Amino acid sequence: MEITSIFGNPLFQFIAGIAVLIFVHELGHFTAAKFFNVHVEEFGIGFPPRLVKLFEAGGTQFTLNWIPLGGFVRLKGDNDPSIPGGMAAASPWVRLAVLFAGPLTNIAAGIVLTIILFYQMGEPILDRVQVQYVAPQSPAAHAGLTTGDIITHVESNEIKSTEQLQAAIYDRLGTPTSLTVQRNEENISLVLTPRDPPPPDEGAIGIMMGYATQPTTWWKAIPRGSAAAFQYTRLILSLPVALFRGDVTPEQARPVGYKGMYDIYQQLNNPLTFFMMITMSLGIFNLLPIPALDGGRILLTLPEIIIHRRVPPQYENMIHMVGFSLLLLLLIYINLQDFLNPIQLPF
């Protein structure tokens, strides 16, 4: 197989992208540890078993490992405060800085990707509704709608927002409906019948809606991209509340594993959108107060700051070991669900 065809393969791009995001996370831990003089024994690219030792610098071994999904940082004395120069022997503030550095690096990468996305995609034109994706075998696909079409009218109703388009379509469920679309400066009339009832997670006609865009500048993209990243963070954090209120269904809020992520990756037009969502989610997930994650370690470090008493290392290690075992079982369940109940993006 030619090198160009390998790099052009979506599965290769997906694996490489996920590996880079995990690598970025570990690079954050590594950089903070080196800055605060916590000795790093090994920086691994990929997960063990080890393939080869690349080189050694500053007392740190840089290794290449067989499983190509990210990397890891092995800190000296990670769980033993009696080892000088190690992680557990460092002050609680240093430990917090090292623990926060990984997730925050992911979030920072997400902000950068969002800014690049806004620059690439351009400034939205908020009165021109554009078809972003057409689901296969949907009414939209059968009628000839294509990605990039601008929907200007439903019957005689002028369309200037996604809300207007959705309302106009859902008013005509089960009824043949004419659409006027603009394609390459040409107006085209199409007829389709919105499904009644709409199938789960695909909508009445099977499209993903958005807005047409026009070129923008970095000065506009930076604040807009930063604001969008902040909004995405709020969306993730508010998901449990939205689920409890019934604003989203359990299916919409379900976590996904590697196969689920790859299914989503294949359904999105712009890979940067996917990797922005993944790196932001990875950063936020790792800050959750779950044992074995960075957030769990942060939580167990706080008593030392607040009440000046440390959680005994043997108890902390036991908590993380049990938490890791439960987390591993959860991840197995999530990945199995990706096969038993494949995810579909809503349209």
Protein backbone atom coordinates (compact mmCIF):
# COMPACT_ATOMS: atom_id res chain seq x y z
CA MET A 1 0.00 0.00 0.00
CA GLU A 2 1.36 3.46 -0.94
CA ILE A 3 2.27 5.91 1.83
CA THR A 4 -0.18 8.51 0.48
CA SER A 5 -3.07 6.02 0.61
CA ILE A 6 -2.20 5.13 4.22
CA PHE A 7 -2.21 8.78 5.32
CA GLY A 8 -5.45 9.32 3.40
CA ASN A 9 -7.17 6.43 5.16
CA PRO A 10 -9.86 7.72 7.60
CA LEU A 11 -9.07 5.00 10.16
CA PHE A 12 -5.38 5.94 10.15
CA GLN A 13 -6.27 9.64 10.51
CA PHE A 14 -8.61 8.84 13.38
CA ILE A 15 -6.04 6.73 15.28
CA ALA A 16 -3.29 9.28 14.67
CA GLY A 17 -5.50 12.15 15.82
CA ILE A 18 -6.58 10.40 19.03
CA ALA A 19 -2.96 9.44 19.72
CA VAL A 20 -1.85 13.06 19.30
CA LEU A 21 -4.54 14.33 21.71
CA ILE A 22 -3.52 11.82 24.40
CA PHE A 23 0.13 12.70 23.71
CA VAL A 24 -0.73 16.39 24.21
CA HIS A 25 -2.31 15.51 27.57
CA GLU A 26 0.82 13.70 28.73
CA LEU A 27 3.03 16.49 27.37
CA GLY A 28 1.20 18.87 29.72
CA HIS A 29 2.02 16.65 32.72
CA PHE A 30 5.62 16.26 31.50
CA THR A 31 6.21 19.99 31.01
CA ALA A 32 4.76 20.90 34.42
CA ALA A 33 6.77 18.14 36.15
CA LYS A 34 10.03 19.31 34.58
CA PHE A 35 9.22 22.95 35.44
CA PHE A 36 8.65 22.10 39.13
CA ASN A 37 11.66 19.74 39.32
CA VAL A 38 9.65 16.55 39.70
CA HIS A 39 11.79 13.84 38.15
CA VAL A 40 10.26 12.17 35.07
CA GLU A 41 11.60 8.65 34.64
CA GLU A 42 9.97 7.91 31.29
CA PHE A 43 8.00 9.68 28.57
CA GLY A 44 6.40 7.00 26.44
CA ILE A 45 4.98 7.50 22.96
CA GLY A 46 2.23 4.89 22.68
CA PHE A 47 1.36 2.43 25.44
CA PRO A 48 3.48 -0.56 26.61
CA PRO A 49 4.85 -3.03 25.86
CA ARG A 50 7.94 -1.09 24.86
CA LEU A 51 9.12 -1.29 21.27
CA VAL A 52 12.37 0.65 21.57
CA LYS A 53 14.12 3.23 23.71
CA LEU A 54 14.61 6.28 21.49
CA PHE A 55 17.01 8.31 23.62
CA GLU A 56 17.61 9.66 27.11
CA ALA A 57 17.73 13.34 28.08
CA GLY A 58 17.70 15.08 31.45
CA GLY A 59 17.41 11.75 33.20
CA THR A 60 14.22 10.88 31.29
CA GLN A 61 13.95 7.91 28.95
CA PHE A 62 11.98 8.63 25.78
CA THR A 63 10.48 5.41 24.48
CA LEU A 64 8.37 4.15 21.59
CA ASN A 65 5.73 1.58 22.54
CA TRP A 66 3.60 -0.90 20.64
CA ILE A 67 0.05 0.40 21.22
CA PRO A 68 -0.24 3.62 19.15
CA LEU A 69 -2.94 5.41 21.14
CA GLY A 70 -1.25 8.31 22.88
CA GLY A 71 1.40 8.11 25.54
CA PHE A 72 2.23 8.20 29.24
CA VAL A 73 4.49 9.92 31.75
CA ARG A 74 6.08 7.83 34.51
CA LEU A 75 6.98 10.10 37.43
CA LYS A 76 9.54 9.18 40.05
CA GLY A 77 7.93 8.19 43.36
CA ASP A 78 4.44 8.72 42.00
CA ASN A 79 2.83 6.94 44.97
CA ASP A 80 5.63 6.94 47.56
CA PRO A 81 6.28 10.20 49.48
CA SER A 82 9.48 8.75 50.99
CA ILE A 83 11.30 9.03 47.63
CA PRO A 84 13.04 12.43 47.36
CA GLY A 85 12.54 14.34 44.12
CA GLY A 86 9.44 12.33 43.32
CA MET A 87 5.85 13.30 42.67
CA ALA A 88 4.40 12.13 45.99
CA ALA A 89 7.19 13.89 47.92
CA ALA A 90 6.49 17.25 46.27
CA SER A 91 4.39 19.94 47.95
CA PRO A 92 0.62 19.67 47.43
CA TRP A 93 0.66 22.83 45.29
CA VAL A 94 3.25 21.30 42.96
CA ARG A 95 1.27 18.07 42.73
CA LEU A 96 -1.88 20.05 41.90
CA ALA A 97 -0.03 21.97 39.18
CA VAL A 98 1.28 18.76 37.59
CA LEU A 99 -2.14 17.08 37.80
CA PHE A 100 -4.01 20.08 36.36
CA ALA A 101 -1.49 20.54 33.53
CA GLY A 102 -2.62 17.54 31.46
CA PRO A 103 -6.36 18.34 31.29
CA LEU A 104 -5.74 22.07 30.90
CA THR A 105 -3.38 21.41 27.99
CA ASN A 106 -6.17 19.45 26.28
CA ILE A 107 -8.62 22.29 26.88
CA ALA A 108 -6.09 24.82 25.55
CA ALA A 109 -5.61 22.65 22.44
CA GLY A 110 -9.40 22.62 22.01
CA ILE A 111 -9.53 26.42 22.13
CA VAL A 112 -6.78 26.65 19.50
CA LEU A 113 -8.58 24.14 17.25
CA THR A 114 -11.85 26.06 17.64
CA ILE A 115 -10.17 29.31 16.63
CA ILE A 116 -8.65 27.60 13.57
CA LEU A 117 -12.08 26.14 12.76
CA PHE A 118 -13.72 29.55 12.85
CA TYR A 119 -11.01 30.99 10.61
CA GLN A 120 -11.29 28.08 8.17
CA MET A 121 -15.06 28.01 8.07
CA GLY A 122 -15.49 31.77 7.96
CA GLU A 123 -18.03 34.07 9.53
CA PRO A 124 -21.59 32.69 9.49
CA ILE A 125 -24.16 34.50 7.37
CA LEU A 126 -27.12 34.27 9.72
CA ASP A 127 -29.88 34.55 7.11
CA ARG A 128 -28.63 31.83 4.72
CA VAL A 129 -29.45 28.29 5.93
CA GLN A 130 -27.07 25.73 4.49
CA VAL A 131 -27.21 21.94 4.29
CA GLN A 132 -24.18 20.63 6.22
CA TYR A 133 -24.83 16.90 5.83
CA VAL A 134 -27.34 14.63 4.09
CA ALA A 135 -28.12 11.25 5.64
CA PRO A 136 -28.02 8.34 3.17
CA GLN A 137 -31.40 6.94 2.09
CA SER A 138 -33.21 9.91 3.65
CA PRO A 139 -35.95 11.98 1.93
CA ALA A 140 -33.35 14.73 1.41
CA ALA A 141 -30.97 12.30 -0.30
CA HIS A 142 -33.72 10.87 -2.54
CA ALA A 143 -34.83 14.40 -3.51
CA GLY A 144 -31.29 15.35 -4.55
CA LEU A 145 -30.28 17.72 -1.75
CA THR A 146 -26.51 17.92 -1.39
CA THR A 147 -24.06 19.32 1.13
CA GLY A 148 -23.61 23.05 0.53
CA ASP A 149 -27.13 23.73 -0.78
CA ILE A 150 -28.73 26.91 0.55
CA ILE A 151 -32.41 26.38 1.37
CA THR A 152 -34.22 29.62 0.55
CA HIS A 153 -37.90 28.56 0.58
CA VAL A 154 -40.16 25.78 1.88
CA GLU A 155 -43.26 26.02 -0.29
CA SER A 156 -43.79 29.81 -0.40
CA ASN A 157 -42.23 30.48 3.00
CA GLU A 158 -38.89 32.29 2.88
CA ILE A 159 -36.26 30.66 5.10
CA LYS A 160 -33.80 32.85 6.99
CA SER A 161 -32.95 30.71 10.05
CA THR A 162 -32.56 27.07 11.03
CA GLU A 163 -35.51 27.49 13.41
CA GLN A 164 -37.73 28.64 10.52
CA LEU A 165 -36.64 25.69 8.40
CA GLN A 166 -37.31 23.16 11.14
CA ALA A 167 -40.73 24.66 11.90
CA ALA A 168 -41.70 24.73 8.21
CA ILE A 169 -40.67 21.10 7.71
CA TYR A 170 -42.38 19.80 10.86
CA ASP A 171 -45.60 21.58 9.88
CA ARG A 172 -45.75 19.33 6.80
CA LEU A 173 -44.93 15.86 8.13
CA GLY A 174 -46.15 13.21 5.72
CA THR A 175 -47.04 15.83 3.06
CA PRO A 176 -45.14 16.30 -0.24
CA THR A 177 -43.25 19.56 0.15
CA SER A 178 -41.40 21.73 -2.36
CA LEU A 179 -38.04 23.23 -1.47
CA THR A 180 -36.18 25.96 -3.32
CA VAL A 181 -32.43 25.71 -2.95
CA GLN A 182 -29.56 27.79 -4.24
CA ARG A 183 -26.70 25.76 -5.67
CA ASN A 184 -23.77 27.51 -7.34
CA GLU A 185 -25.84 30.68 -7.87
CA GLU A 186 -28.61 28.63 -9.53
CA ASN A 187 -32.09 28.22 -8.00
CA ILE A 188 -33.37 24.62 -8.04
CA SER A 189 -36.80 23.28 -7.02
CA LEU A 190 -37.00 19.92 -5.26
CA VAL A 191 -39.88 17.91 -3.80
CA LEU A 192 -39.66 15.62 -0.78
CA THR A 193 -41.97 14.22 1.88
CA PRO A 194 -40.95 14.76 5.52
CA ARG A 195 -41.22 11.48 7.40
CA ASP A 196 -44.10 11.03 9.81
CA PRO A 197 -43.03 10.14 12.41
CA PRO A 198 -39.37 11.15 12.01
CA PRO A 199 -37.00 8.28 12.81
CA PRO A 200 -34.98 8.55 16.03
CA ASP A 201 -31.86 10.71 15.77
CA GLU A 202 -32.26 11.57 12.10
CA GLY A 203 -35.04 14.12 11.82
CA ALA A 204 -37.88 14.44 9.33
CA ILE A 205 -35.87 14.90 6.14
CA GLY A 206 -32.40 13.72 7.22
CA ILE A 207 -30.14 16.76 7.06
CA MET A 208 -27.79 18.58 9.38
CA MET A 209 -28.47 22.31 9.20
CA GLY A 210 -26.12 25.23 9.58
CA TYR A 211 -25.38 28.61 8.07
CA ALA A 212 -23.44 29.63 5.01
CA THR A 213 -20.18 31.41 5.75
CA GLN A 214 -17.98 34.15 4.35
CA PRO A 215 -14.20 34.68 4.79
CA THR A 216 -13.16 36.17 8.11
CA THR A 217 -10.00 37.40 9.85
CA TRP A 218 -7.93 36.03 12.71
CA TRP A 219 -8.98 39.03 14.81
CA LYS A 220 -12.59 37.93 14.48
CA ALA A 221 -11.87 34.21 14.71
CA ILE A 222 -9.94 34.41 18.02
CA PRO A 223 -12.77 35.84 20.18
CA ARG A 224 -15.49 33.86 18.38
CA GLY A 225 -13.55 30.60 18.62
CA SER A 226 -12.68 31.17 22.29
CA ALA A 227 -16.33 31.93 23.10
CA ALA A 228 -17.48 28.81 21.22
CA ALA A 229 -14.99 26.65 23.15
CA PHE A 230 -16.30 28.12 26.41
CA GLN A 231 -19.88 27.37 25.33
CA TYR A 232 -18.94 23.78 24.49
CA THR A 233 -17.39 23.42 27.95
CA ARG A 234 -20.60 24.71 29.54
CA LEU A 235 -22.63 22.30 27.40
CA ILE A 236 -20.62 19.30 28.62
CA LEU A 237 -20.76 20.38 32.27
CA SER A 238 -24.51 21.03 32.10
CA LEU A 239 -25.25 17.66 30.47
CA PRO A 240 -26.11 15.82 33.74
CA VAL A 241 -28.60 18.56 34.66
CA ALA A 242 -30.12 18.52 31.16
CA LEU A 243 -30.41 14.73 31.38
CA PHE A 244 -32.11 14.94 34.79
CA ARG A 245 -34.59 17.54 33.48
CA GLY A 246 -35.36 15.48 30.39
CA ASP A 247 -33.98 18.12 28.00
CA VAL A 248 -31.82 15.41 26.43
CA THR A 249 -32.45 11.69 26.22
CA PRO A 250 -30.14 9.04 27.73
CA GLU A 251 -29.29 7.99 24.16
CA GLN A 252 -28.18 11.53 23.29
CA ALA A 253 -26.09 11.80 26.47
CA ARG A 254 -24.49 8.36 26.33
CA PRO A 255 -20.71 8.15 26.43
CA VAL A 256 -18.97 6.48 23.51
CA GLY A 257 -15.85 4.36 23.12
CA TYR A 258 -13.35 4.13 20.30
CA LYS A 259 -15.78 2.65 17.77
CA GLY A 260 -18.44 5.23 18.67
CA MET A 261 -15.91 8.02 18.25
CA TYR A 262 -14.87 6.63 14.86
CA ASP A 263 -18.53 6.45 13.79
CA ILE A 264 -18.94 10.13 14.72
CA TYR A 265 -15.66 10.99 12.98
CA GLN A 266 -16.94 9.47 9.74
CA GLN A 267 -20.20 11.43 9.92
CA LEU A 268 -18.62 14.87 10.40
CA ASN A 269 -17.43 16.89 7.43
CA ASN A 270 -14.53 18.65 9.13
CA PRO A 271 -12.04 16.52 11.15
CA LEU A 272 -11.06 19.57 13.21
CA THR A 273 -14.61 19.71 14.61
CA PHE A 274 -14.29 16.14 15.85
CA PHE A 275 -10.84 16.56 17.38
CA MET A 276 -11.87 19.83 19.02
CA MET A 277 -14.78 18.06 20.72
CA ILE A 278 -12.62 15.10 21.75
CA THR A 279 -9.76 17.12 23.24
CA MET A 280 -12.17 19.38 25.16
CA SER A 281 -14.09 16.31 26.41
CA LEU A 282 -10.85 14.54 27.33
CA GLY A 283 -9.69 17.53 29.37
CA ILE A 284 -13.00 17.96 31.19
CA PHE A 285 -13.47 14.21 31.79
CA ASN A 286 -10.03 13.94 33.37
CA LEU A 287 -10.92 16.73 35.80
CA LEU A 288 -13.91 14.83 37.16
CA PRO A 289 -13.38 13.68 40.78
CA ILE A 290 -13.14 10.02 39.83
CA PRO A 291 -10.42 7.85 41.43
CA ALA A 292 -7.55 6.99 39.07
CA LEU A 293 -8.22 10.10 36.95
CA ASP A 294 -6.42 13.42 37.41
CA GLY A 295 -9.55 14.83 39.06
CA GLY A 296 -9.60 12.03 41.62
CA ARG A 297 -5.95 12.65 42.47
CA ILE A 298 -6.65 16.38 42.73
CA LEU A 299 -9.53 15.69 45.13
CA LEU A 300 -7.33 13.57 47.39
CA THR A 301 -4.66 16.28 47.41
CA LEU A 302 -7.01 19.00 48.68
CA PRO A 303 -7.21 17.83 52.35
CA GLU A 304 -3.48 18.46 52.65
CA ILE A 305 -4.08 22.11 51.67
CA ILE A 306 -7.33 22.68 53.53
CA ILE A 307 -6.78 20.87 56.83
CA HIS A 308 -3.00 20.25 56.53
CA ARG A 309 -3.45 16.51 56.78
CA ARG A 310 -2.53 14.10 54.05
CA VAL A 311 -4.56 11.08 52.99
CA PRO A 312 -2.30 8.14 53.92
CA PRO A 313 -0.55 6.88 50.74
CA GLN A 314 -1.70 3.27 51.29
CA TYR A 315 -5.35 4.40 51.37
CA GLU A 316 -4.90 6.69 48.40
CA ASN A 317 -3.28 3.90 46.38
CA MET A 318 -6.10 1.52 47.31
CA ILE A 319 -8.75 4.08 46.30
CA HIS A 320 -7.09 4.61 42.93
CA MET A 321 -6.65 0.87 42.35
CA VAL A 322 -10.33 0.17 43.04
CA GLY A 323 -11.36 3.22 41.01
CA PHE A 324 -9.19 2.13 38.09
CA SER A 325 -10.73 -1.36 38.13
CA LEU A 326 -14.27 0.06 38.11
CA LEU A 327 -13.33 2.57 35.41
CA LEU A 328 -11.90 -0.24 33.28
CA LEU A 329 -15.15 -2.21 33.58
CA LEU A 330 -17.11 0.91 32.63
CA LEU A 331 -14.93 1.47 29.58
CA ILE A 332 -15.41 -2.15 28.49
CA TYR A 333 -19.19 -1.71 28.82
CA ILE A 334 -19.14 1.57 26.87
CA ASN A 335 -17.08 0.07 24.06
CA LEU A 336 -19.38 -2.97 23.87
CA GLN A 337 -22.38 -0.64 23.55
CA ASP A 338 -20.75 0.95 20.49
CA PHE A 339 -21.10 -2.42 18.74
CA LEU A 340 -24.48 -3.45 20.17
CA ASN A 341 -26.11 -0.03 19.77
CA PRO A 342 -24.18 2.00 17.16
CA ILE A 343 -24.42 5.75 17.62
CA GLN A 344 -26.06 8.01 15.04
CA LEU A 345 -25.75 11.77 14.99
CA PRO A 346 -29.09 13.62 15.08
CA PHE A 347 -30.10 15.41 11.88
